[in-house]
Protein backbone atom coordinates (compact mmCIF):
# COMPACT_ATOMS: atom_id res chain seq x y z
CA UNK A 1 0.00 0.00 0.00
CA UNK A 2 1.21 3.53 -0.78
CA UNK A 3 0.09 6.38 1.44
CA UNK A 4 0.71 9.83 -0.01
CA UNK A 5 1.06 12.16 2.98
CA UNK A 6 -0.27 15.19 1.07
CA UNK A 7 -3.53 13.33 0.40
CA UNK A 8 -4.25 13.59 4.14
CA UNK A 9 -2.47 16.71 5.43
CA UNK A 10 -1.40 20.04 3.96
CA UNK A 11 1.88 20.11 5.87
CA UNK A 12 4.03 17.97 8.13
CA UNK A 13 4.52 20.45 10.94
CA UNK A 14 2.12 19.84 13.81
CA UNK A 15 1.30 17.02 16.19
CA UNK A 16 -2.15 16.95 14.64
CA UNK A 17 -0.66 16.43 11.16
CA UNK A 18 1.37 13.56 12.58
CA UNK A 19 -1.62 12.01 14.32
CA UNK A 20 -3.53 12.00 11.04
CA UNK A 21 -0.72 10.07 9.36
CA UNK A 22 -0.25 7.74 12.33
CA UNK A 23 -3.93 6.82 12.13
CA UNK A 24 -3.48 5.96 8.46
CA UNK A 25 -0.39 3.76 8.85
CA UNK A 26 -0.65 2.17 12.29
CA UNK A 27 -2.90 -0.78 11.53
CA UNK A 28 -0.80 -1.86 8.55
CA UNK A 29 2.33 -1.85 10.73
CA UNK A 30 0.58 -3.66 13.59
CA UNK A 31 -0.68 -6.32 11.17
CA UNK A 32 2.81 -6.80 9.72
CA UNK A 33 1.85 -5.42 6.33
CA UNK A 34 4.26 -3.28 4.37
CA UNK A 35 3.29 0.35 3.79
CA UNK A 36 5.08 2.90 1.64
CA UNK A 37 4.75 6.46 2.94
CA UNK A 38 5.25 8.97 0.14
CA UNK A 39 6.45 12.47 0.96
CA UNK A 40 5.92 13.67 -2.61
CA UNK A 41 5.39 17.43 -2.51
CA UNK A 42 6.70 17.77 1.06
CA UNK A 43 9.94 19.68 1.55
CA UNK A 44 10.33 19.42 5.33
CA UNK A 45 8.98 17.81 8.49
CA UNK A 46 9.17 18.87 12.11
CA UNK A 47 10.01 16.80 15.16
CA UNK A 48 6.44 17.41 16.36
CA UNK A 49 5.13 15.73 13.22
CA UNK A 50 7.56 12.80 13.53
CA UNK A 51 6.85 12.40 17.24
CA UNK A 52 3.16 11.92 16.46
CA UNK A 53 3.32 10.09 13.13
CA UNK A 54 5.99 7.46 13.72
CA UNK A 55 7.37 7.31 17.25
CA UNK A 56 4.13 6.01 18.88
CA UNK A 57 4.48 2.89 16.74
CA UNK A 58 7.25 1.84 19.13
CA UNK A 59 4.66 1.51 21.90
CA UNK A 60 3.03 -1.40 20.06
CA UNK A 61 5.67 -3.07 17.86
CA UNK A 62 9.42 -3.53 17.78
CA UNK A 63 11.73 -1.25 15.87
CA UNK A 64 12.70 -4.20 13.66
CA UNK A 65 9.04 -4.69 12.69
CA UNK A 66 8.77 -0.98 11.86
CA UNK A 67 11.93 -1.14 9.75
CA UNK A 68 10.62 -4.19 7.91
CA UNK A 69 7.21 -2.73 7.12
CA UNK A 70 7.52 1.07 6.95
CA UNK A 71 9.14 2.32 3.77
CA UNK A 72 9.68 6.02 3.12
CA UNK A 73 9.55 7.06 -0.55
CA UNK A 74 9.53 10.27 -2.58
CA UNK A 75 11.36 12.16 0.15
CA UNK A 76 14.51 14.21 0.38
CA UNK A 77 17.69 13.78 2.40
CA UNK A 78 16.54 16.17 5.13
CA UNK A 79 13.30 14.24 5.69
CA UNK A 80 15.09 10.89 5.63
CA UNK A 81 17.74 12.12 8.07
CA UNK A 82 15.09 13.52 10.42
CA UNK A 83 13.17 10.26 10.50
CA UNK A 84 16.30 8.19 11.10
CA UNK A 85 17.52 10.58 13.80
CA UNK A 86 14.22 10.54 15.71
CA UNK A 87 13.96 6.75 15.65
CA UNK A 88 17.60 6.43 16.68
CA UNK A 89 17.11 8.83 19.62
CA UNK A 90 14.04 6.96 20.78
CA UNK A 91 15.51 3.48 20.44
CA UNK A 92 18.71 4.51 22.22
CA UNK A 93 16.72 6.09 25.04
CA UNK A 94 14.85 2.83 25.60
CA UNK A 95 18.02 0.73 25.71
CA UNK A 96 19.76 2.95 28.27
PDB file of N, CA and C in Angstrom:
ATOM      1  N   UNK A   1       0.841  -1.180   0.000  1.00  0.00           N
ATOM      2  CA  UNK A   1       0.000   0.000   0.000  1.00  0.00           C
ATOM      3  C   UNK A   1       0.891   1.249   0.000  1.00  0.00           C
ATOM      4  N   UNK A   2       0.497   2.251  -0.756  1.00  0.00           N
ATOM      5  CA  UNK A   2       1.210   3.530  -0.778  1.00  0.00           C
ATOM      6  C   UNK A   2       0.296   4.588  -0.169  1.00  0.00           C
ATOM      7  N   UNK A   3       0.806   5.280   0.822  1.00  0.00           N
ATOM      8  CA  UNK A   3       0.087   6.379   1.442  1.00  0.00           C
ATOM      9  C   UNK A   3       0.805   7.670   1.076  1.00  0.00           C
ATOM     10  N   UNK A   4       0.144   8.535   0.366  1.00  0.00           N
ATOM     11  CA  UNK A   4       0.714   9.830  -0.009  1.00  0.00           C
ATOM     12  C   UNK A   4       0.313  10.828   1.082  1.00  0.00           C
ATOM     13  N   UNK A   5       1.296  11.290   1.820  1.00  0.00           N
ATOM     14  CA  UNK A   5       1.061  12.159   2.976  1.00  0.00           C
ATOM     15  C   UNK A   5       0.179  13.354   2.609  1.00  0.00           C
ATOM     16  N   UNK A   6       0.474  13.987   1.473  1.00  0.00           N
ATOM     17  CA  UNK A   6      -0.269  15.195   1.072  1.00  0.00           C
ATOM     18  C   UNK A   6      -1.738  14.920   0.744  1.00  0.00           C
ATOM     19  N   UNK A   7      -2.117  13.660   0.587  1.00  0.00           N
ATOM     20  CA  UNK A   7      -3.533  13.328   0.402  1.00  0.00           C
ATOM     21  C   UNK A   7      -4.319  13.486   1.701  1.00  0.00           C
ATOM     22  N   UNK A   8      -3.593  13.550   2.832  1.00  0.00           N
ATOM     23  CA  UNK A   8      -4.253  13.585   4.140  1.00  0.00           C
ATOM     24  C   UNK A   8      -3.981  14.855   4.934  1.00  0.00           C
ATOM     25  N   UNK A   9      -2.822  15.487   4.714  1.00  0.00           N
ATOM     26  CA  UNK A   9      -2.473  16.714   5.434  1.00  0.00           C
ATOM     27  C   UNK A   9      -1.856  17.715   4.474  1.00  0.00           C
ATOM     28  N   UNK A  10      -1.986  18.986   4.796  1.00  0.00           N
ATOM     29  CA  UNK A  10      -1.403  20.037   3.956  1.00  0.00           C
ATOM     30  C   UNK A  10       0.072  20.270   4.253  1.00  0.00           C
ATOM     31  N   UNK A  11       0.484  19.933   5.481  1.00  0.00           N
ATOM     32  CA  UNK A  11       1.879  20.114   5.867  1.00  0.00           C
ATOM     33  C   UNK A  11       2.256  19.022   6.857  1.00  0.00           C
ATOM     34  N   UNK A  12       3.526  18.952   7.174  1.00  0.00           N
ATOM     35  CA  UNK A  12       4.030  17.966   8.135  1.00  0.00           C
ATOM     36  C   UNK A  12       4.713  18.706   9.280  1.00  0.00           C
ATOM     37  N   UNK A  13       3.936  19.578   9.921  1.00  0.00           N
ATOM     38  CA  UNK A  13       4.515  20.450  10.935  1.00  0.00           C
ATOM     39  C   UNK A  13       3.975  20.248  12.335  1.00  0.00           C
ATOM     40  N   UNK A  14       2.729  19.873  12.482  1.00  0.00           N
ATOM     41  CA  UNK A  14       2.121  19.838  13.811  1.00  0.00           C
ATOM     42  C   UNK A  14       1.913  18.411  14.306  1.00  0.00           C
ATOM     43  N   UNK A  15       1.673  18.310  15.612  1.00  0.00           N
ATOM     44  CA  UNK A  15       1.302  17.017  16.185  1.00  0.00           C
ATOM     45  C   UNK A  15       0.030  16.489  15.536  1.00  0.00           C
ATOM     46  N   UNK A  16      -0.907  17.384  15.270  1.00  0.00           N
ATOM     47  CA  UNK A  16      -2.154  16.952  14.637  1.00  0.00           C
ATOM     48  C   UNK A  16      -1.888  16.346  13.258  1.00  0.00           C
ATOM     49  N   UNK A  17      -1.028  16.989  12.466  1.00  0.00           N
ATOM     50  CA  UNK A  17      -0.658  16.433  11.157  1.00  0.00           C
ATOM     51  C   UNK A  17      -0.103  15.017  11.336  1.00  0.00           C
ATOM     52  N   UNK A  18       0.767  14.870  12.313  1.00  0.00           N
ATOM     53  CA  UNK A  18       1.365  13.561  12.576  1.00  0.00           C
ATOM     54  C   UNK A  18       0.356  12.525  13.018  1.00  0.00           C
ATOM     55  N   UNK A  19      -0.585  12.928  13.860  1.00  0.00           N
ATOM     56  CA  UNK A  19      -1.617  12.006  14.320  1.00  0.00           C
ATOM     57  C   UNK A  19      -2.473  11.507  13.161  1.00  0.00           C
ATOM     58  N   UNK A  20      -2.761  12.391  12.216  1.00  0.00           N
ATOM     59  CA  UNK A  20      -3.535  11.996  11.039  1.00  0.00           C
ATOM     60  C   UNK A  20      -2.794  10.899  10.273  1.00  0.00           C
ATOM     61  N   UNK A  21      -1.501  11.067  10.084  1.00  0.00           N
ATOM     62  CA  UNK A  21      -0.717  10.072   9.359  1.00  0.00           C
ATOM     63  C   UNK A  21      -0.577   8.795  10.170  1.00  0.00           C
ATOM     64  N   UNK A  22      -0.332   8.923  11.465  1.00  0.00           N
ATOM     65  CA  UNK A  22      -0.254   7.742  12.328  1.00  0.00           C
ATOM     66  C   UNK A  22      -1.526   6.900  12.189  1.00  0.00           C
ATOM     67  N   UNK A  23      -2.670   7.541  12.229  1.00  0.00           N
ATOM     68  CA  UNK A  23      -3.934   6.816  12.129  1.00  0.00           C
ATOM     69  C   UNK A  23      -4.092   6.107  10.793  1.00  0.00           C
ATOM     70  N   UNK A  24      -3.412   6.590   9.779  1.00  0.00           N
ATOM     71  CA  UNK A  24      -3.484   5.961   8.464  1.00  0.00           C
ATOM     72  C   UNK A  24      -2.518   4.775   8.321  1.00  0.00           C
ATOM     73  N   UNK A  25      -1.408   4.804   9.050  1.00  0.00           N
ATOM     74  CA  UNK A  25      -0.395   3.765   8.854  1.00  0.00           C
ATOM     75  C   UNK A  25      -0.360   2.710   9.948  1.00  0.00           C
ATOM     76  N   UNK A  26      -0.846   3.031  11.121  1.00  0.00           N
ATOM     77  CA  UNK A  26      -0.648   2.167  12.290  1.00  0.00           C
ATOM     78  C   UNK A  26      -1.151   0.741  12.082  1.00  0.00           C
ATOM     79  N   UNK A  27      -2.356   0.564  11.620  1.00  0.00           N
ATOM     80  CA  UNK A  27      -2.899  -0.783  11.525  1.00  0.00           C
ATOM     81  C   UNK A  27      -2.108  -1.663  10.576  1.00  0.00           C
ATOM     82  N   UNK A  28      -1.638  -1.078   9.480  1.00  0.00           N
ATOM     83  CA  UNK A  28      -0.799  -1.861   8.555  1.00  0.00           C
ATOM     84  C   UNK A  28       0.466  -2.353   9.257  1.00  0.00           C
ATOM     85  N   UNK A  29       1.106  -1.472  10.007  1.00  0.00           N
ATOM     86  CA  UNK A  29       2.327  -1.846  10.728  1.00  0.00           C
ATOM     87  C   UNK A  29       2.011  -2.906  11.777  1.00  0.00           C
ATOM     88  N   UNK A  30       0.951  -2.716  12.540  1.00  0.00           N
ATOM     89  CA  UNK A  30       0.583  -3.663  13.594  1.00  0.00           C
ATOM     90  C   UNK A  30       0.266  -5.034  13.020  1.00  0.00           C
ATOM     91  N   UNK A  31      -0.312  -5.056  11.823  1.00  0.00           N
ATOM     92  CA  UNK A  31      -0.678  -6.320  11.170  1.00  0.00           C
ATOM     93  C   UNK A  31       0.488  -6.951  10.417  1.00  0.00           C
ATOM     94  N   UNK A  32       1.647  -6.277  10.410  1.00  0.00           N
ATOM     95  CA  UNK A  32       2.809  -6.805   9.722  1.00  0.00           C
ATOM     96  C   UNK A  32       2.758  -6.648   8.215  1.00  0.00           C
ATOM     97  N   UNK A  33       1.947  -5.692   7.770  1.00  0.00           N
ATOM     98  CA  UNK A  33       1.849  -5.420   6.328  1.00  0.00           C
ATOM     99  C   UNK A  33       2.756  -4.254   5.975  1.00  0.00           C
ATOM    100  N   UNK A  34       3.371  -4.341   4.820  1.00  0.00           N
ATOM    101  CA  UNK A  34       4.263  -3.279   4.371  1.00  0.00           C
ATOM    102  C   UNK A  34       3.458  -2.074   3.870  1.00  0.00           C
ATOM    103  N   UNK A  35       3.922  -0.893   4.254  1.00  0.00           N
ATOM    104  CA  UNK A  35       3.293   0.347   3.794  1.00  0.00           C
ATOM    105  C   UNK A  35       4.391   1.299   3.334  1.00  0.00           C
ATOM    106  N   UNK A  36       4.160   1.915   2.204  1.00  0.00           N
ATOM    107  CA  UNK A  36       5.078   2.899   1.644  1.00  0.00           C
ATOM    108  C   UNK A  36       4.480   4.274   1.908  1.00  0.00           C
ATOM    109  N   UNK A  37       5.218   5.116   2.627  1.00  0.00           N
ATOM    110  CA  UNK A  37       4.751   6.459   2.937  1.00  0.00           C
ATOM    111  C   UNK A  37       5.475   7.421   2.007  1.00  0.00           C
ATOM    112  N   UNK A  38       4.703   8.067   1.144  1.00  0.00           N
ATOM    113  CA  UNK A  38       5.254   8.974   0.144  1.00  0.00           C
ATOM    114  C   UNK A  38       5.203  10.417   0.644  1.00  0.00           C
ATOM    115  N   UNK A  39       6.352  11.061   0.597  1.00  0.00           N
ATOM    116  CA  UNK A  39       6.446  12.471   0.961  1.00  0.00           C
ATOM    117  C   UNK A  39       6.519  13.354  -0.287  1.00  0.00           C
ATOM    118  N   UNK A  40       5.953  12.877  -1.370  1.00  0.00           N
ATOM    119  CA  UNK A  40       5.916  13.666  -2.612  1.00  0.00           C
ATOM    120  C   UNK A  40       5.244  15.014  -2.336  1.00  0.00           C
ATOM    121  N   UNK A  41       5.930  16.092  -2.710  1.00  0.00           N
ATOM    122  CA  UNK A  41       5.393  17.434  -2.507  1.00  0.00           C
ATOM    123  C   UNK A  41       5.653  18.019  -1.132  1.00  0.00           C
ATOM    124  N   UNK A  42       6.371  17.297  -0.286  1.00  0.00           N
ATOM    125  CA  UNK A  42       6.697  17.772   1.063  1.00  0.00           C
ATOM    126  C   UNK A  42       8.186  18.095   1.087  1.00  0.00           C
ATOM    127  N   UNK A  43       8.526  19.297   1.529  1.00  0.00           N
ATOM    128  CA  UNK A  43       9.936  19.679   1.554  1.00  0.00           C
ATOM    129  C   UNK A  43      10.577  19.544   2.933  1.00  0.00           C
ATOM    130  N   UNK A  44       9.754  19.534   3.989  1.00  0.00           N
ATOM    131  CA  UNK A  44      10.325  19.423   5.334  1.00  0.00           C
ATOM    132  C   UNK A  44       9.297  18.849   6.305  1.00  0.00           C
ATOM    133  N   UNK A  45       9.815  18.313   7.397  1.00  0.00           N
ATOM    134  CA  UNK A  45       8.983  17.807   8.487  1.00  0.00           C
ATOM    135  C   UNK A  45       9.548  18.350   9.789  1.00  0.00           C
ATOM    136  N   UNK A  46       8.707  18.435  10.799  1.00  0.00           N
ATOM    137  CA  UNK A  46       9.175  18.873  12.114  1.00  0.00           C
ATOM    138  C   UNK A  46       9.244  17.679  13.054  1.00  0.00           C
ATOM    139  N   UNK A  47       9.954  17.864  14.153  1.00  0.00           N
ATOM    140  CA  UNK A  47      10.013  16.797  15.157  1.00  0.00           C
ATOM    141  C   UNK A  47       8.628  16.558  15.748  1.00  0.00           C
ATOM    142  N   UNK A  48       7.813  17.589  15.864  1.00  0.00           N
ATOM    143  CA  UNK A  48       6.443  17.405  16.364  1.00  0.00           C
ATOM    144  C   UNK A  48       5.669  16.441  15.468  1.00  0.00           C
ATOM    145  N   UNK A  49       5.788  16.627  14.168  1.00  0.00           N
ATOM    146  CA  UNK A  49       5.132  15.728  13.221  1.00  0.00           C
ATOM    147  C   UNK A  49       5.650  14.307  13.401  1.00  0.00           C
ATOM    148  N   UNK A  50       6.969  14.136  13.410  1.00  0.00           N
ATOM    149  CA  UNK A  50       7.556  12.803  13.532  1.00  0.00           C
ATOM    150  C   UNK A  50       7.199  12.141  14.849  1.00  0.00           C
ATOM    151  N   UNK A  51       7.187  12.934  15.926  1.00  0.00           N
ATOM    152  CA  UNK A  51       6.847  12.395  17.242  1.00  0.00           C
ATOM    153  C   UNK A  51       5.431  11.849  17.289  1.00  0.00           C
ATOM    154  N   UNK A  52       4.555  12.378  16.470  1.00  0.00           N
ATOM    155  CA  UNK A  52       3.164  11.924  16.458  1.00  0.00           C
ATOM    156  C   UNK A  52       2.877  10.906  15.360  1.00  0.00           C
ATOM    157  N   UNK A  53       3.595  10.983  14.259  1.00  0.00           N
ATOM    158  CA  UNK A  53       3.319  10.095  13.125  1.00  0.00           C
ATOM    159  C   UNK A  53       3.985   8.729  13.273  1.00  0.00           C
ATOM    160  N   UNK A  54       5.216   8.696  13.747  1.00  0.00           N
ATOM    161  CA  UNK A  54       5.985   7.458  13.715  1.00  0.00           C
ATOM    162  C   UNK A  54       6.401   6.918  15.078  1.00  0.00           C
ATOM    163  N   UNK A  55       6.820   7.775  15.984  1.00  0.00           N
ATOM    164  CA  UNK A  55       7.375   7.310  17.254  1.00  0.00           C
ATOM    165  C   UNK A  55       6.374   6.501  18.084  1.00  0.00           C
ATOM    166  N   UNK A  56       5.082   6.834  18.106  1.00  0.00           N
ATOM    167  CA  UNK A  56       4.134   6.013  18.882  1.00  0.00           C
ATOM    168  C   UNK A  56       4.027   4.566  18.413  1.00  0.00           C
ATOM    169  N   UNK A  57       4.476   4.281  17.207  1.00  0.00           N
ATOM    170  CA  UNK A  57       4.476   2.893  16.739  1.00  0.00           C
ATOM    171  C   UNK A  57       5.312   2.010  17.661  1.00  0.00           C
ATOM    172  N   UNK A  58       6.359   2.596  18.239  1.00  0.00           N
ATOM    173  CA  UNK A  58       7.252   1.841  19.126  1.00  0.00           C
ATOM    174  C   UNK A  58       6.552   1.364  20.396  1.00  0.00           C
ATOM    175  N   UNK A  59       5.412   1.955  20.731  1.00  0.00           N
ATOM    176  CA  UNK A  59       4.664   1.515  21.901  1.00  0.00           C
ATOM    177  C   UNK A  59       3.950   0.192  21.662  1.00  0.00           C
ATOM    178  N   UNK A  60       3.807  -0.198  20.398  1.00  0.00           N
ATOM    179  CA  UNK A  60       3.027  -1.398  20.058  1.00  0.00           C
ATOM    180  C   UNK A  60       3.838  -2.481  19.362  1.00  0.00           C
ATOM    181  N   UNK A  61       4.878  -2.090  18.612  1.00  0.00           N
ATOM    182  CA  UNK A  61       5.671  -3.067  17.864  1.00  0.00           C
ATOM    183  C   UNK A  61       7.154  -2.748  18.007  1.00  0.00           C
ATOM    184  N   UNK A  62       7.974  -3.718  17.672  1.00  0.00           N
ATOM    185  CA  UNK A  62       9.419  -3.527  17.776  1.00  0.00           C
ATOM    186  C   UNK A  62       9.934  -2.637  16.642  1.00  0.00           C
ATOM    187  N   UNK A  63      11.100  -2.069  16.885  1.00  0.00           N
ATOM    188  CA  UNK A  63      11.735  -1.251  15.865  1.00  0.00           C
ATOM    189  C   UNK A  63      12.032  -2.089  14.625  1.00  0.00           C
ATOM    190  N   UNK A  64      12.414  -3.342  14.817  1.00  0.00           N
ATOM    191  CA  UNK A  64      12.700  -4.197  13.656  1.00  0.00           C
ATOM    192  C   UNK A  64      11.443  -4.434  12.819  1.00  0.00           C
ATOM    193  N   UNK A  65      10.282  -4.537  13.447  1.00  0.00           N
ATOM    194  CA  UNK A  65       9.036  -4.687  12.686  1.00  0.00           C
ATOM    195  C   UNK A  65       8.722  -3.396  11.927  1.00  0.00           C
ATOM    196  N   UNK A  66       8.981  -2.263  12.544  1.00  0.00           N
ATOM    197  CA  UNK A  66       8.765  -0.979  11.864  1.00  0.00           C
ATOM    198  C   UNK A  66       9.694  -0.885  10.652  1.00  0.00           C
ATOM    199  N   UNK A  67      10.973  -1.206  10.851  1.00  0.00           N
ATOM    200  CA  UNK A  67      11.935  -1.141   9.747  1.00  0.00           C
ATOM    201  C   UNK A  67      11.549  -2.071   8.605  1.00  0.00           C
ATOM    202  N   UNK A  68      10.995  -3.221   8.936  1.00  0.00           N
ATOM    203  CA  UNK A  68      10.625  -4.192   7.906  1.00  0.00           C
ATOM    204  C   UNK A  68       9.395  -3.755   7.111  1.00  0.00           C
ATOM    205  N   UNK A  69       8.508  -3.006   7.745  1.00  0.00           N
ATOM    206  CA  UNK A  69       7.209  -2.728   7.120  1.00  0.00           C
ATOM    207  C   UNK A  69       6.951  -1.284   6.737  1.00  0.00           C
ATOM    208  N   UNK A  70       7.702  -0.347   7.270  1.00  0.00           N
ATOM    209  CA  UNK A  70       7.521   1.067   6.953  1.00  0.00           C
ATOM    210  C   UNK A  70       8.598   1.499   5.977  1.00  0.00           C
ATOM    211  N   UNK A  71       8.200   1.878   4.788  1.00  0.00           N
ATOM    212  CA  UNK A  71       9.140   2.319   3.767  1.00  0.00           C
ATOM    213  C   UNK A  71       8.825   3.762   3.404  1.00  0.00           C
ATOM    214  N   UNK A  72       9.835   4.607   3.444  1.00  0.00           N
ATOM    215  CA  UNK A  72       9.680   6.022   3.116  1.00  0.00           C
ATOM    216  C   UNK A  72      10.110   6.215   1.663  1.00  0.00           C
ATOM    217  N   UNK A  73       9.240   6.830   0.866  1.00  0.00           N
ATOM    218  CA  UNK A  73       9.546   7.056  -0.551  1.00  0.00           C
ATOM    219  C   UNK A  73       9.260   8.511  -0.915  1.00  0.00           C
ATOM    220  N   UNK A  74       9.776   8.922  -2.053  1.00  0.00           N
ATOM    221  CA  UNK A  74       9.534  10.272  -2.584  1.00  0.00           C
ATOM    222  C   UNK A  74       9.871  11.355  -1.565  1.00  0.00           C
ATOM    223  N   UNK A  75      10.958  11.165  -0.847  1.00  0.00           N
ATOM    224  CA  UNK A  75      11.362  12.156   0.150  1.00  0.00           C
ATOM    225  C   UNK A  75      12.747  12.677  -0.185  1.00  0.00           C
ATOM    226  N   UNK A  76      13.183  13.642   0.589  1.00  0.00           N
ATOM    227  CA  UNK A  76      14.515  14.206   0.376  1.00  0.00           C
ATOM    228  C   UNK A  76      15.438  13.808   1.526  1.00  0.00           C
ATOM    229  N   UNK A  77      16.695  14.146   1.392  1.00  0.00           N
ATOM    230  CA  UNK A  77      17.690  13.776   2.401  1.00  0.00           C
ATOM    231  C   UNK A  77      17.343  14.333   3.778  1.00  0.00           C
ATOM    232  N   UNK A  78      16.868  15.560   3.839  1.00  0.00           N
ATOM    233  CA  UNK A  78      16.539  16.173   5.129  1.00  0.00           C
ATOM    234  C   UNK A  78      15.425  15.401   5.836  1.00  0.00           C
ATOM    235  N   UNK A  79      14.402  15.017   5.090  1.00  0.00           N
ATOM    236  CA  UNK A  79      13.301  14.243   5.687  1.00  0.00           C
ATOM    237  C   UNK A  79      13.816  12.883   6.139  1.00  0.00           C
ATOM    238  N   UNK A  80      14.546  12.206   5.279  1.00  0.00           N
ATOM    239  CA  UNK A  80      15.095  10.889   5.632  1.00  0.00           C
ATOM    240  C   UNK A  80      15.960  10.972   6.882  1.00  0.00           C
ATOM    241  N   UNK A  81      16.856  11.955   6.915  1.00  0.00           N
ATOM    242  CA  UNK A  81      17.744  12.116   8.070  1.00  0.00           C
ATOM    243  C   UNK A  81      16.958  12.404   9.343  1.00  0.00           C
ATOM    244  N   UNK A  82      15.907  13.207   9.244  1.00  0.00           N
ATOM    245  CA  UNK A  82      15.085  13.523  10.420  1.00  0.00           C
ATOM    246  C   UNK A  82      14.384  12.286  10.965  1.00  0.00           C
ATOM    247  N   UNK A  83      13.864  11.478  10.075  1.00  0.00           N
ATOM    248  CA  UNK A  83      13.173  10.256  10.503  1.00  0.00           C
ATOM    249  C   UNK A  83      14.156   9.301  11.172  1.00  0.00           C
ATOM    250  N   UNK A  84      15.285   9.089  10.538  1.00  0.00           N
ATOM    251  CA  UNK A  84      16.298   8.187  11.099  1.00  0.00           C
ATOM    252  C   UNK A  84      16.768   8.699  12.458  1.00  0.00           C
ATOM    253  N   UNK A  85      17.033   9.977  12.554  1.00  0.00           N
ATOM    254  CA  UNK A  85      17.521  10.578  13.804  1.00  0.00           C
ATOM    255  C   UNK A  85      16.512  10.409  14.938  1.00  0.00           C
ATOM    256  N   UNK A  86      15.234  10.660  14.656  1.00  0.00           N
ATOM    257  CA  UNK A  86      14.215  10.541  15.709  1.00  0.00           C
ATOM    258  C   UNK A  86      14.068   9.103  16.183  1.00  0.00           C
ATOM    259  N   UNK A  87      14.040   8.148  15.252  1.00  0.00           N
ATOM    260  CA  UNK A  87      13.958   6.746  15.654  1.00  0.00           C
ATOM    261  C   UNK A  87      15.194   6.346  16.451  1.00  0.00           C
ATOM    262  N   UNK A  88      16.360   6.774  15.991  1.00  0.00           N
ATOM    263  CA  UNK A  88      17.597   6.432  16.683  1.00  0.00           C
ATOM    264  C   UNK A  88      17.586   6.980  18.114  1.00  0.00           C
ATOM    265  N   UNK A  89      17.182   8.229  18.276  1.00  0.00           N
ATOM    266  CA  UNK A  89      17.112   8.825  19.615  1.00  0.00           C
ATOM    267  C   UNK A  89      16.172   8.032  20.516  1.00  0.00           C
ATOM    268  N   UNK A  90      15.044   7.653  19.976  1.00  0.00           N
ATOM    269  CA  UNK A  90      14.040   6.957  20.776  1.00  0.00           C
ATOM    270  C   UNK A  90      14.491   5.551  21.133  1.00  0.00           C
ATOM    271  N   UNK A  91      15.047   4.843  20.186  1.00  0.00           N
ATOM    272  CA  UNK A  91      15.508   3.480  20.440  1.00  0.00           C
ATOM    273  C   UNK A  91      16.672   3.478  21.426  1.00  0.00           C
ATOM    274  N   UNK A  92      17.590   4.418  21.278  1.00  0.00           N
ATOM    275  CA  UNK A  92      18.709   4.511  22.215  1.00  0.00           C
ATOM    276  C   UNK A  92      18.243   4.870  23.613  1.00  0.00           C
ATOM    277  N   UNK A  93      17.239   5.703  23.724  1.00  0.00           N
ATOM    278  CA  UNK A  93      16.719   6.090  25.045  1.00  0.00           C
ATOM    279  C   UNK A  93      16.112   4.887  25.762  1.00  0.00           C
ATOM    280  N   UNK A  94      15.483   4.009  25.011  1.00  0.00           N
ATOM    281  CA  UNK A  94      14.851   2.827  25.596  1.00  0.00           C
ATOM    282  C   UNK A  94      15.892   1.821  26.073  1.00  0.00           C
ATOM    283  N   UNK A  95      17.008   1.734  25.369  1.00  0.00           N
ATOM    284  CA  UNK A  95      18.022   0.726  25.713  1.00  0.00           C
ATOM    285  C   UNK A  95      18.972   1.207  26.792  1.00  0.00           C
ATOM    286  N   UNK A  96      18.858   2.443  27.231  1.00  0.00           N
ATOM    287  CA  UNK A  96      19.760   2.954  28.265  1.00  0.00           C
ATOM    288  C   UNK A  96      19.265   2.563  29.634  1.00  0.00           C
TER     289      UNK A  96
END
